[in-house]
C-alpha atoms as a PDB file:
ATOM      1  CA  MET A   1      66.705  53.295 172.600  1.00  0.00           C
ATOM      2  CA  ALA A   2      70.355  52.285 173.021  1.00  0.00           C
ATOM      3  CA  SER A   3      71.074  48.597 173.259  1.00  0.00           C
ATOM      4  CA  ASP A   4      73.157  47.177 176.100  1.00  0.00           C
ATOM      5  CA  PRO A   5      76.591  46.277 174.699  1.00  0.00           C
ATOM      6  CA  MET A   6      77.447  44.031 177.653  1.00  0.00           C
ATOM      7  CA  THR A   7      77.539  40.343 176.829  1.00  0.00           C
ATOM      8  CA  HIS A   8      76.194  37.509 178.967  1.00  0.00           C
ATOM      9  CA  THR A   9      79.800  36.534 179.775  1.00  0.00           C
ATOM     10  CA  GLU A  10      80.524  39.997 181.156  1.00  0.00           C
ATOM     11  CA  GLN A  11      77.387  40.015 183.258  1.00  0.00           C
ATOM     12  CA  SER A  12      78.264  36.571 184.667  1.00  0.00           C
ATOM     13  CA  ARG A  13      81.828  37.637 185.449  1.00  0.00           C
ATOM     14  CA  ASP A  14      80.555  40.794 187.170  1.00  0.00           C
ATOM     15  CA  ALA A  15      78.372  38.597 189.370  1.00  0.00           C
ATOM     16  CA  LEU A  16      81.511  36.738 190.449  1.00  0.00           C
ATOM     17  CA  ALA A  17      83.618  39.867 190.995  1.00  0.00           C
ATOM     18  CA  GLY A  18      80.924  41.822 192.836  1.00  0.00           C
ATOM     19  CA  THR A  19      78.118  44.103 191.896  1.00  0.00           C
ATOM     20  CA  LEU A  20      78.730  46.721 189.217  1.00  0.00           C
ATOM     21  CA  THR A  21      76.069  48.940 187.751  1.00  0.00           C
ATOM     22  CA  ARG A  22      76.537  49.946 184.118  1.00  0.00           C
ATOM     23  CA  THR A  23      74.239  52.411 182.410  1.00  0.00           C
ATOM     24  CA  VAL A  24      74.599  52.996 178.670  1.00  0.00           C
ATOM     25  CA  VAL A  25      74.274  56.749 178.187  1.00  0.00           C
ATOM     26  CA  GLN A  26      74.785  56.795 174.404  1.00  0.00           C
ATOM     27  CA  HIS A  27      75.391  54.228 171.668  1.00  0.00           C
ATOM     28  CA  GLU A  28      75.777  55.885 168.269  1.00  0.00           C
ATOM     29  CA  PRO A  29      77.625  55.475 164.955  1.00  0.00           C
ATOM     30  CA  SER A  30      80.969  57.270 164.683  1.00  0.00           C
ATOM     31  CA  SER A  31      82.217  59.438 161.834  1.00  0.00           C
ATOM     32  CA  ILE A  32      85.238  57.102 161.823  1.00  0.00           C
ATOM     33  CA  PRO A  33      84.522  54.281 159.342  1.00  0.00           C
ATOM     34  CA  GLY A  34      83.988  50.933 161.051  1.00  0.00           C
ATOM     35  CA  ARG A  35      83.640  52.461 164.533  1.00  0.00           C
ATOM     36  CA  GLU A  36      80.854  53.279 166.956  1.00  0.00           C
ATOM     37  CA  ILE A  37      80.785  55.377 170.116  1.00  0.00           C
ATOM     38  CA  VAL A  38      79.460  53.928 173.341  1.00  0.00           C
ATOM     39  CA  GLN A  39      79.285  55.987 176.521  1.00  0.00           C
ATOM     40  CA  VAL A  40      78.786  54.143 179.819  1.00  0.00           C
ATOM     41  CA  LEU A  41      78.377  55.270 183.422  1.00  0.00           C
ATOM     42  CA  THR A  42      79.804  52.592 185.738  1.00  0.00           C
ATOM     43  CA  GLU A  43      79.223  52.518 189.483  1.00  0.00           C
ATOM     44  CA  ILE A  44      81.619  50.367 191.506  1.00  0.00           C
ATOM     45  CA  PRO A  45      80.957  49.739 195.207  1.00  0.00           C
ATOM     46  CA  VAL A  46      83.842  49.881 197.685  1.00  0.00           C
ATOM     47  CA  GLY A  47      86.199  46.911 197.368  1.00  0.00           C
ATOM     48  CA  VAL A  48      84.766  45.723 194.049  1.00  0.00           C
ATOM     49  CA  GLU A  49      86.856  45.482 190.892  1.00  0.00           C
ATOM     50  CA  SER A  50      85.889  45.356 187.255  1.00  0.00           C
ATOM     51  CA  GLY A  51      88.006  42.286 186.516  1.00  0.00           C
ATOM     52  CA  TRP A  52      90.854  42.304 183.985  1.00  0.00           C
ATOM     53  CA  HIS A  53      89.489  43.040 180.519  1.00  0.00           C
ATOM     54  CA  THR A  54      90.208  44.695 177.173  1.00  0.00           C
ATOM     55  CA  HIS A  55      88.221  46.805 174.694  1.00  0.00           C
ATOM     56  CA  PRO A  56      88.277  46.731 170.860  1.00  0.00           C
ATOM     57  CA  GLY A  57      89.121  50.440 170.762  1.00  0.00           C
ATOM     58  CA  GLU A  58      89.999  53.388 172.968  1.00  0.00           C
ATOM     59  CA  GLU A  59      88.396  54.043 176.354  1.00  0.00           C
ATOM     60  CA  VAL A  60      88.456  57.689 177.396  1.00  0.00           C
ATOM     61  CA  GLY A  61      87.311  57.924 181.010  1.00  0.00           C
ATOM     62  CA  TYR A  62      86.559  60.393 183.754  1.00  0.00           C
ATOM     63  CA  ILE A  63      86.126  59.727 187.474  1.00  0.00           C
ATOM     64  CA  VAL A  64      82.836  61.357 188.455  1.00  0.00           C
ATOM     65  CA  ALA A  65      82.947  60.350 192.139  1.00  0.00           C
ATOM     66  CA  GLY A  66      85.059  58.319 194.526  1.00  0.00           C
ATOM     67  CA  THR A  67      88.569  56.913 194.334  1.00  0.00           C
ATOM     68  CA  VAL A  68      89.503  54.194 191.857  1.00  0.00           C
ATOM     69  CA  GLU A  69      92.777  52.300 191.540  1.00  0.00           C
ATOM     70  CA  MET A  70      93.385  51.785 187.816  1.00  0.00           C
ATOM     71  CA  ARG A  71      95.799  49.046 186.821  1.00  0.00           C
ATOM     72  CA  ALA A  72      96.735  48.750 183.159  1.00  0.00           C
ATOM     73  CA  GLU A  73      99.328  46.512 181.565  1.00  0.00           C
ATOM     74  CA  GLY A  74     102.524  48.327 180.668  1.00  0.00           C
ATOM     75  CA  VAL A  75     101.929  51.442 182.798  1.00  0.00           C
ATOM     76  CA  PRO A  76     102.213  52.207 186.527  1.00  0.00           C
ATOM     77  CA  THR A  77      99.101  51.772 188.681  1.00  0.00           C
ATOM     78  CA  ARG A  78      97.246  55.054 189.140  1.00  0.00           C
ATOM     79  CA  THR A  79      94.989  56.137 191.984  1.00  0.00           C
ATOM     80  CA  LEU A  80      92.302  58.292 190.402  1.00  0.00           C
ATOM     81  CA  HIS A  81      90.022  60.686 192.253  1.00  0.00           C
ATOM     82  CA  ALA A  82      86.884  62.577 191.239  1.00  0.00           C
ATOM     83  CA  GLY A  83      87.858  64.952 188.437  1.00  0.00           C
ATOM     84  CA  ASP A  84      90.688  62.771 187.074  1.00  0.00           C
ATOM     85  CA  GLY A  85      90.678  61.432 183.533  1.00  0.00           C
ATOM     86  CA  PHE A  86      92.264  58.316 182.059  1.00  0.00           C
ATOM     87  CA  LEU A  87      92.930  56.709 178.698  1.00  0.00           C
ATOM     88  CA  ILE A  88      93.060  52.993 177.959  1.00  0.00           C
ATOM     89  CA  ARG A  89      94.558  51.929 174.623  1.00  0.00           C
ATOM     90  CA  PRO A  90      92.828  49.372 172.348  1.00  0.00           C
ATOM     91  CA  GLY A  91      93.489  45.825 173.549  1.00  0.00           C
ATOM     92  CA  GLN A  92      95.298  46.989 176.723  1.00  0.00           C
ATOM     93  CA  PRO A  93      94.380  44.726 179.671  1.00  0.00           C
ATOM     94  CA  HIS A  94      93.192  46.764 182.644  1.00  0.00           C
ATOM     95  CA  ASN A  95      91.279  46.503 185.919  1.00  0.00           C
ATOM     96  CA  ALA A  96      89.536  49.147 188.054  1.00  0.00           C
ATOM     97  CA  LEU A  97      89.181  48.734 191.836  1.00  0.00           C
ATOM     98  CA  ASP A  98      87.101  51.062 194.015  1.00  0.00           C
ATOM     99  CA  VAL A  99      89.229  51.798 197.081  1.00  0.00           C
ATOM    100  CA  GLY A 100      86.557  53.786 198.930  1.00  0.00           C
ATOM    101  CA  PRO A 101      85.414  55.289 201.055  1.00  0.00           C
ATOM    102  CA  GLY A 102      82.300  55.540 198.850  1.00  0.00           C
ATOM    103  CA  THR A 103      80.972  54.176 195.584  1.00  0.00           C
ATOM    104  CA  GLY A 104      83.148  55.044 192.597  1.00  0.00           C
ATOM    105  CA  ARG A 105      81.452  56.428 189.498  1.00  0.00           C
ATOM    106  CA  MET A 106      83.242  56.459 186.130  1.00  0.00           C
ATOM    107  CA  LEU A 107      82.005  57.880 182.858  1.00  0.00           C
ATOM    108  CA  SER A 108      83.709  56.101 179.960  1.00  0.00           C
ATOM    109  CA  THR A 109      83.464  56.809 176.262  1.00  0.00           C
ATOM    110  CA  TYR A 110      84.510  53.966 173.975  1.00  0.00           C
ATOM    111  CA  VAL A 111      85.383  54.363 170.292  1.00  0.00           C
ATOM    112  CA  VAL A 112      85.198  50.739 169.247  1.00  0.00           C
ATOM    113  CA  GLU A 113      84.836  48.388 166.286  1.00  0.00           C
ATOM    114  CA  ILE A 114      81.225  48.031 165.163  1.00  0.00           C
ATOM    115  CA  GLY A 115      79.705  44.775 166.335  1.00  0.00           C
ATOM    116  CA  ALA A 116      82.632  43.731 168.534  1.00  0.00           C
ATOM    117  CA  PRO A 117      81.940  42.957 172.213  1.00  0.00           C
ATOM    118  CA  LEU A 118      82.501  46.111 174.245  1.00  0.00           C
ATOM    119  CA  ALA A 119      84.712  44.218 176.697  1.00  0.00           C
ATOM    120  CA  THR A 120      86.460  40.866 176.779  1.00  0.00           C
ATOM    121  CA  PHE A 121      87.684  39.416 180.068  1.00  0.00           C
ATOM    122  CA  VAL A 122      91.323  38.271 180.146  1.00  0.00           C
ATOM    123  CA  PRO A 123      93.651  36.706 182.733  1.00  0.00           C
ATOM    124  CA  ALA A 124      95.530  39.131 184.974  1.00  0.00           C
ATOM    125  CA  PRO A 125      98.953  39.977 183.513  1.00  0.00           C
ATOM    126  CA  GLY A 126     102.071  38.484 185.015  1.00  0.00           C
END
Protein backbone atom coordinates (compact mmCIF):
# COMPACT_ATOMS: atom_id res chain seq x y z
CA MET A 1 0.00 0.00 0.00
CA ALA A 2 1.27 3.50 -0.80
CA SER A 3 2.39 5.60 2.12
CA ASP A 4 1.06 9.12 2.64
CA PRO A 5 3.83 11.57 1.68
CA MET A 6 2.18 14.48 3.51
CA THR A 7 4.01 15.59 6.63
CA HIS A 8 2.44 16.58 9.94
CA THR A 9 3.34 20.22 9.17
CA GLU A 10 1.39 20.10 5.91
CA GLN A 11 -1.63 18.55 7.56
CA SER A 12 -1.55 21.22 10.30
CA ARG A 13 -1.24 24.03 7.75
CA ASP A 14 -4.14 22.59 5.74
CA ALA A 15 -6.25 22.70 8.89
CA LEU A 16 -5.51 26.42 9.14
CA ALA A 17 -6.12 27.16 5.45
CA GLY A 18 -9.30 25.10 5.17
CA THR A 19 -10.17 21.55 4.41
CA LEU A 20 -8.33 19.80 1.58
CA THR A 21 -8.66 16.14 0.76
CA ARG A 22 -5.57 14.46 -0.67
CA THR A 23 -5.63 10.89 -1.90
CA VAL A 24 -2.36 9.23 -2.92
CA VAL A 25 -3.14 7.31 -6.10
CA GLN A 26 0.38 5.96 -6.72
CA HIS A 27 3.76 6.17 -5.00
CA GLU A 28 6.43 4.28 -6.94
CA PRO A 29 10.15 4.39 -7.75
CA SER A 30 11.11 6.25 -10.93
CA SER A 31 13.46 5.11 -13.67
CA ILE A 32 15.26 8.41 -13.05
CA PRO A 33 18.01 7.78 -10.46
CA GLY A 34 17.27 9.43 -7.12
CA ARG A 35 13.62 10.16 -7.98
CA GLU A 36 10.22 8.74 -7.17
CA ILE A 37 6.79 9.33 -8.69
CA VAL A 38 3.87 10.31 -6.51
CA GLN A 39 0.41 10.84 -7.94
CA VAL A 40 -2.16 12.67 -5.80
CA LEU A 41 -5.82 13.57 -6.27
CA THR A 42 -6.56 16.80 -4.39
CA GLU A 43 -10.06 18.09 -3.71
CA ILE A 44 -10.34 21.77 -2.77
CA PRO A 45 -13.67 23.18 -1.58
CA VAL A 46 -14.84 26.58 -2.84
CA GLY A 47 -12.83 29.46 -1.38
CA VAL A 48 -10.08 27.24 0.04
CA GLU A 49 -6.45 27.55 -1.01
CA SER A 50 -3.56 25.15 -0.77
CA GLY A 51 -1.24 27.68 0.85
CA TRP A 52 2.04 28.79 -0.73
CA HIS A 53 4.39 25.82 -1.04
CA THR A 54 7.13 24.22 -3.14
CA HIS A 55 7.97 20.68 -4.27
CA PRO A 56 11.40 18.99 -4.58
CA GLY A 57 10.73 18.19 -8.24
CA GLU A 58 8.25 18.78 -11.04
CA GLU A 59 4.48 18.81 -10.55
CA VAL A 60 2.53 17.94 -13.69
CA GLY A 61 -1.15 18.59 -13.03
CA TYR A 62 -4.57 18.31 -14.59
CA ILE A 63 -7.82 19.93 -13.47
CA VAL A 64 -10.38 17.12 -13.26
CA ALA A 65 -13.30 19.29 -12.10
CA GLY A 66 -14.04 22.86 -11.10
CA THR A 67 -12.16 26.12 -11.54
CA VAL A 68 -8.85 26.77 -9.82
CA GLU A 69 -6.81 29.97 -9.73
CA MET A 70 -3.15 28.94 -9.90
CA ARG A 71 -0.58 31.47 -8.73
CA ALA A 72 3.08 30.65 -9.24
CA GLU A 73 6.09 32.85 -8.64
CA GLY A 74 7.54 34.30 -11.82
CA VAL A 75 4.54 33.60 -14.08
CA PRO A 76 1.13 35.26 -14.55
CA THR A 77 -1.80 33.92 -12.51
CA ARG A 78 -3.83 31.39 -14.47
CA THR A 79 -7.49 30.48 -14.10
CA LEU A 80 -7.71 26.77 -14.86
CA HIS A 81 -10.88 24.88 -15.72
CA ALA A 82 -11.69 21.18 -15.99
CA GLY A 83 -9.54 19.75 -18.78
CA ASP A 84 -6.66 22.23 -18.33
CA GLY A 85 -3.15 21.10 -17.47
CA PHE A 86 -0.36 22.89 -15.62
CA LEU A 87 3.32 22.49 -14.82
CA ILE A 88 5.09 23.68 -11.69
CA ARG A 89 8.90 23.75 -11.76
CA PRO A 90 11.01 22.30 -8.91
CA GLY A 91 11.21 24.74 -6.00
CA GLN A 92 8.74 27.21 -7.59
CA PRO A 93 6.45 28.70 -4.91
CA HIS A 94 2.80 28.33 -5.87
CA ASN A 95 -0.72 28.41 -4.44
CA ALA A 96 -4.02 26.98 -5.75
CA LEU A 97 -7.37 28.60 -4.88
CA ASP A 98 -10.73 27.04 -5.74
CA VAL A 99 -12.87 29.88 -7.12
CA GLY A 100 -16.06 27.83 -7.44
CA PRO A 101 -18.80 27.31 -8.02
CA GLY A 102 -18.07 23.71 -6.97
CA THR A 103 -15.28 21.67 -5.44
CA GLY A 104 -12.09 21.70 -7.50
CA ARG A 105 -10.38 18.38 -8.19
CA MET A 106 -6.76 18.25 -9.36
CA LEU A 107 -4.73 15.21 -10.32
CA SER A 108 -1.03 15.93 -9.82
CA THR A 109 1.94 13.75 -10.66
CA TYR A 110 5.17 14.63 -8.87
CA VAL A 111 8.63 13.48 -9.96
CA VAL A 112 10.53 14.24 -6.78
CA GLU A 113 13.69 13.49 -4.82
CA ILE A 114 13.45 10.22 -2.90
CA GLY A 115 12.80 10.79 0.78
CA ALA A 116 12.24 14.55 0.51
CA PRO A 117 8.96 15.98 1.84
CA LEU A 118 6.46 16.16 -1.00
CA ALA A 119 5.66 19.78 -0.17
CA THR A 120 7.20 22.51 1.96
CA PHE A 121 5.16 25.56 2.94
CA VAL A 122 6.77 28.95 2.24
CA PRO A 123 5.80 32.60 2.75
CA ALA A 124 3.81 34.21 -0.07
CA PRO A 125 6.12 35.95 -2.56
CA GLY A 126 6.38 39.71 -2.58
